[in-house]
Amino acid sequence: MNVVITKVIYISGIENETQQKHIEQQLKQLHGVHQVNIEIESNNGKIFIDFETPASLNNLEKEVYDLGYEILY
């Protein structure tokens, strides 16, 4: 049985709800992702994501980066 992990990905360049929904939809399509919630504040965002193997934090960050957002840390 896989363990569900919760992590936060900090990003910049997110400005509105349309972008928020797009990121959420893309991440939810990935195998192993259970839940995605995004908070936006001053063009920065926090992505709260629950996932399990085979998903990994590196893969999830790359997916967000490939969508055009900068990973802050």
N, C-alpha and C. Protein backbone atom coordinates (compact mmCIF):
# COMPACT_ATOMS: atom_id res chain seq x y z
N MET A 1 0.84 -1.20 0.00
CA MET A 1 0.00 0.00 0.00
C MET A 1 0.88 1.25 0.00
N ASN A 2 0.55 2.17 -0.88
CA ASN A 2 1.33 3.41 -0.98
C ASN A 2 0.86 4.43 0.05
N VAL A 3 1.80 5.23 0.47
CA VAL A 3 1.51 6.29 1.44
C VAL A 3 1.27 7.59 0.68
N VAL A 4 0.19 8.28 1.01
CA VAL A 4 -0.11 9.57 0.39
C VAL A 4 0.72 10.64 1.08
N ILE A 5 1.41 11.43 0.25
CA ILE A 5 2.29 12.50 0.73
C ILE A 5 1.64 13.84 0.39
N THR A 6 1.73 14.79 1.29
CA THR A 6 1.25 16.15 1.03
C THR A 6 2.46 17.08 0.98
N LYS A 7 2.57 17.84 -0.10
CA LYS A 7 3.67 18.80 -0.26
C LYS A 7 3.10 20.12 -0.75
N VAL A 8 3.92 21.17 -0.64
CA VAL A 8 3.56 22.49 -1.16
C VAL A 8 4.61 22.88 -2.19
N ILE A 9 4.15 23.31 -3.36
CA ILE A 9 5.02 23.83 -4.40
C ILE A 9 4.75 25.33 -4.49
N TYR A 10 5.79 26.14 -4.33
CA TYR A 10 5.67 27.59 -4.40
C TYR A 10 6.04 28.05 -5.80
N ILE A 11 5.15 28.84 -6.42
CA ILE A 11 5.38 29.27 -7.80
C ILE A 11 5.16 30.78 -7.95
N SER A 12 5.68 31.32 -9.04
CA SER A 12 5.39 32.71 -9.38
C SER A 12 4.83 32.75 -10.80
N GLY A 13 4.13 33.83 -11.11
CA GLY A 13 3.57 34.01 -12.43
C GLY A 13 2.10 33.64 -12.56
N ILE A 14 1.49 33.23 -11.48
CA ILE A 14 0.06 32.89 -11.52
C ILE A 14 -0.73 34.12 -11.08
N GLU A 15 -1.70 34.51 -11.91
CA GLU A 15 -2.38 35.78 -11.68
C GLU A 15 -3.89 35.68 -11.51
N ASN A 16 -4.49 34.59 -11.99
CA ASN A 16 -5.95 34.57 -11.97
C ASN A 16 -6.50 33.15 -11.83
N GLU A 17 -7.81 33.09 -11.70
CA GLU A 17 -8.49 31.81 -11.47
C GLU A 17 -8.41 30.89 -12.69
N THR A 18 -8.36 31.46 -13.89
CA THR A 18 -8.24 30.64 -15.10
C THR A 18 -6.93 29.86 -15.08
N GLN A 19 -5.84 30.55 -14.74
CA GLN A 19 -4.55 29.87 -14.64
C GLN A 19 -4.58 28.82 -13.52
N GLN A 20 -5.20 29.17 -12.42
CA GLN A 20 -5.32 28.26 -11.29
C GLN A 20 -6.02 26.97 -11.71
N LYS A 21 -7.15 27.10 -12.37
CA LYS A 21 -7.92 25.93 -12.80
C LYS A 21 -7.12 25.08 -13.80
N HIS A 22 -6.39 25.74 -14.69
CA HIS A 22 -5.59 25.02 -15.68
C HIS A 22 -4.52 24.17 -15.01
N ILE A 23 -3.81 24.74 -14.06
CA ILE A 23 -2.78 23.99 -13.33
C ILE A 23 -3.41 22.82 -12.59
N GLU A 24 -4.51 23.09 -11.89
CA GLU A 24 -5.19 22.02 -11.14
C GLU A 24 -5.59 20.87 -12.06
N GLN A 25 -6.16 21.19 -13.22
CA GLN A 25 -6.60 20.15 -14.15
C GLN A 25 -5.43 19.33 -14.66
N GLN A 26 -4.33 20.00 -15.00
CA GLN A 26 -3.16 19.30 -15.52
C GLN A 26 -2.57 18.36 -14.47
N LEU A 27 -2.44 18.83 -13.24
CA LEU A 27 -1.84 18.02 -12.20
C LEU A 27 -2.74 16.84 -11.81
N LYS A 28 -4.05 17.07 -11.80
CA LYS A 28 -4.97 16.00 -11.41
C LYS A 28 -4.99 14.86 -12.42
N GLN A 29 -4.54 15.11 -13.64
CA GLN A 29 -4.49 14.07 -14.66
C GLN A 29 -3.31 13.12 -14.46
N LEU A 30 -2.33 13.51 -13.66
CA LEU A 30 -1.15 12.68 -13.46
C LEU A 30 -1.45 11.50 -12.55
N HIS A 31 -0.92 10.36 -12.91
CA HIS A 31 -1.14 9.14 -12.13
C HIS A 31 -0.51 9.29 -10.75
N GLY A 32 -1.29 9.03 -9.71
CA GLY A 32 -0.79 9.12 -8.35
C GLY A 32 -1.21 10.39 -7.62
N VAL A 33 -1.73 11.38 -8.36
CA VAL A 33 -2.16 12.64 -7.74
C VAL A 33 -3.59 12.48 -7.23
N HIS A 34 -3.81 12.81 -5.97
CA HIS A 34 -5.13 12.66 -5.35
C HIS A 34 -5.88 13.98 -5.28
N GLN A 35 -5.20 15.04 -4.84
CA GLN A 35 -5.88 16.31 -4.62
C GLN A 35 -4.91 17.46 -4.90
N VAL A 36 -5.45 18.55 -5.46
CA VAL A 36 -4.67 19.75 -5.75
C VAL A 36 -5.48 20.96 -5.32
N ASN A 37 -4.88 21.83 -4.51
CA ASN A 37 -5.49 23.10 -4.13
C ASN A 37 -4.45 24.19 -4.31
N ILE A 38 -4.88 25.31 -4.87
CA ILE A 38 -3.94 26.41 -5.13
C ILE A 38 -4.45 27.68 -4.48
N GLU A 39 -3.55 28.36 -3.77
CA GLU A 39 -3.83 29.69 -3.22
C GLU A 39 -2.98 30.69 -3.98
N ILE A 40 -3.60 31.81 -4.37
CA ILE A 40 -2.90 32.86 -5.12
C ILE A 40 -2.80 34.11 -4.26
N GLU A 41 -1.60 34.72 -4.24
CA GLU A 41 -1.40 35.97 -3.53
C GLU A 41 -0.30 36.77 -4.23
N SER A 42 -0.64 37.92 -4.78
CA SER A 42 0.33 38.83 -5.41
C SER A 42 1.17 38.13 -6.48
N ASN A 43 0.52 37.50 -7.45
CA ASN A 43 1.19 36.81 -8.56
C ASN A 43 2.04 35.62 -8.15
N ASN A 44 1.98 35.24 -6.89
CA ASN A 44 2.64 34.02 -6.43
C ASN A 44 1.57 33.03 -6.01
N GLY A 45 1.93 31.78 -6.05
CA GLY A 45 0.96 30.76 -5.67
C GLY A 45 1.56 29.68 -4.82
N LYS A 46 0.70 29.05 -4.06
CA LYS A 46 1.07 27.87 -3.29
C LYS A 46 0.19 26.73 -3.79
N ILE A 47 0.83 25.67 -4.27
CA ILE A 47 0.10 24.50 -4.73
C ILE A 47 0.21 23.44 -3.64
N PHE A 48 -0.91 23.13 -3.02
CA PHE A 48 -0.97 22.07 -2.03
C PHE A 48 -1.39 20.80 -2.77
N ILE A 49 -0.55 19.79 -2.73
CA ILE A 49 -0.81 18.61 -3.54
C ILE A 49 -0.62 17.33 -2.73
N ASP A 50 -1.60 16.45 -2.83
CA ASP A 50 -1.55 15.13 -2.20
C ASP A 50 -1.28 14.11 -3.30
N PHE A 51 -0.24 13.29 -3.11
CA PHE A 51 0.12 12.33 -4.14
C PHE A 51 0.78 11.10 -3.53
N GLU A 52 0.88 10.07 -4.36
CA GLU A 52 1.58 8.85 -3.95
C GLU A 52 2.37 8.34 -5.15
N THR A 53 3.24 7.37 -4.91
CA THR A 53 4.01 6.76 -5.99
C THR A 53 3.03 6.24 -7.04
N PRO A 54 3.27 6.45 -8.32
CA PRO A 54 4.52 6.80 -8.96
C PRO A 54 4.79 8.29 -9.08
N ALA A 55 3.90 9.16 -8.67
CA ALA A 55 4.16 10.60 -8.72
C ALA A 55 5.28 10.94 -7.74
N SER A 56 6.07 11.96 -8.09
CA SER A 56 7.11 12.44 -7.19
C SER A 56 7.11 13.96 -7.22
N LEU A 57 7.67 14.57 -6.19
CA LEU A 57 7.70 16.03 -6.13
C LEU A 57 8.45 16.60 -7.33
N ASN A 58 9.56 15.98 -7.73
CA ASN A 58 10.32 16.46 -8.89
C ASN A 58 9.48 16.43 -10.16
N ASN A 59 8.75 15.34 -10.37
CA ASN A 59 7.90 15.24 -11.56
C ASN A 59 6.79 16.29 -11.54
N LEU A 60 6.21 16.52 -10.38
CA LEU A 60 5.13 17.50 -10.26
C LEU A 60 5.66 18.91 -10.49
N GLU A 61 6.83 19.23 -9.93
CA GLU A 61 7.44 20.54 -10.16
C GLU A 61 7.76 20.74 -11.63
N LYS A 62 8.26 19.70 -12.30
CA LYS A 62 8.57 19.80 -13.73
C LYS A 62 7.31 20.05 -14.53
N GLU A 63 6.23 19.40 -14.19
CA GLU A 63 4.96 19.61 -14.89
C GLU A 63 4.51 21.08 -14.77
N VAL A 64 4.62 21.65 -13.57
CA VAL A 64 4.25 23.05 -13.36
C VAL A 64 5.19 23.97 -14.14
N TYR A 65 6.48 23.67 -14.11
CA TYR A 65 7.48 24.45 -14.86
C TYR A 65 7.17 24.40 -16.36
N ASP A 66 6.84 23.22 -16.86
CA ASP A 66 6.52 23.06 -18.28
C ASP A 66 5.26 23.82 -18.68
N LEU A 67 4.40 24.13 -17.72
CA LEU A 67 3.21 24.94 -17.99
C LEU A 67 3.54 26.43 -18.04
N GLY A 68 4.80 26.79 -17.72
CA GLY A 68 5.24 28.18 -17.85
C GLY A 68 5.37 28.95 -16.55
N TYR A 69 5.39 28.25 -15.43
CA TYR A 69 5.49 28.93 -14.13
C TYR A 69 6.85 28.67 -13.51
N GLU A 70 7.34 29.67 -12.79
CA GLU A 70 8.63 29.55 -12.12
C GLU A 70 8.43 28.90 -10.75
N ILE A 71 9.25 27.90 -10.47
CA ILE A 71 9.24 27.26 -9.15
C ILE A 71 10.13 28.10 -8.25
N LEU A 72 9.58 28.59 -7.15
CA LEU A 72 10.35 29.47 -6.26
C LEU A 72 11.25 28.68 -5.32
N TYR A 73 10.74 27.67 -4.68
CA TYR A 73 11.53 26.81 -3.80
C TYR A 73 10.69 25.66 -3.33
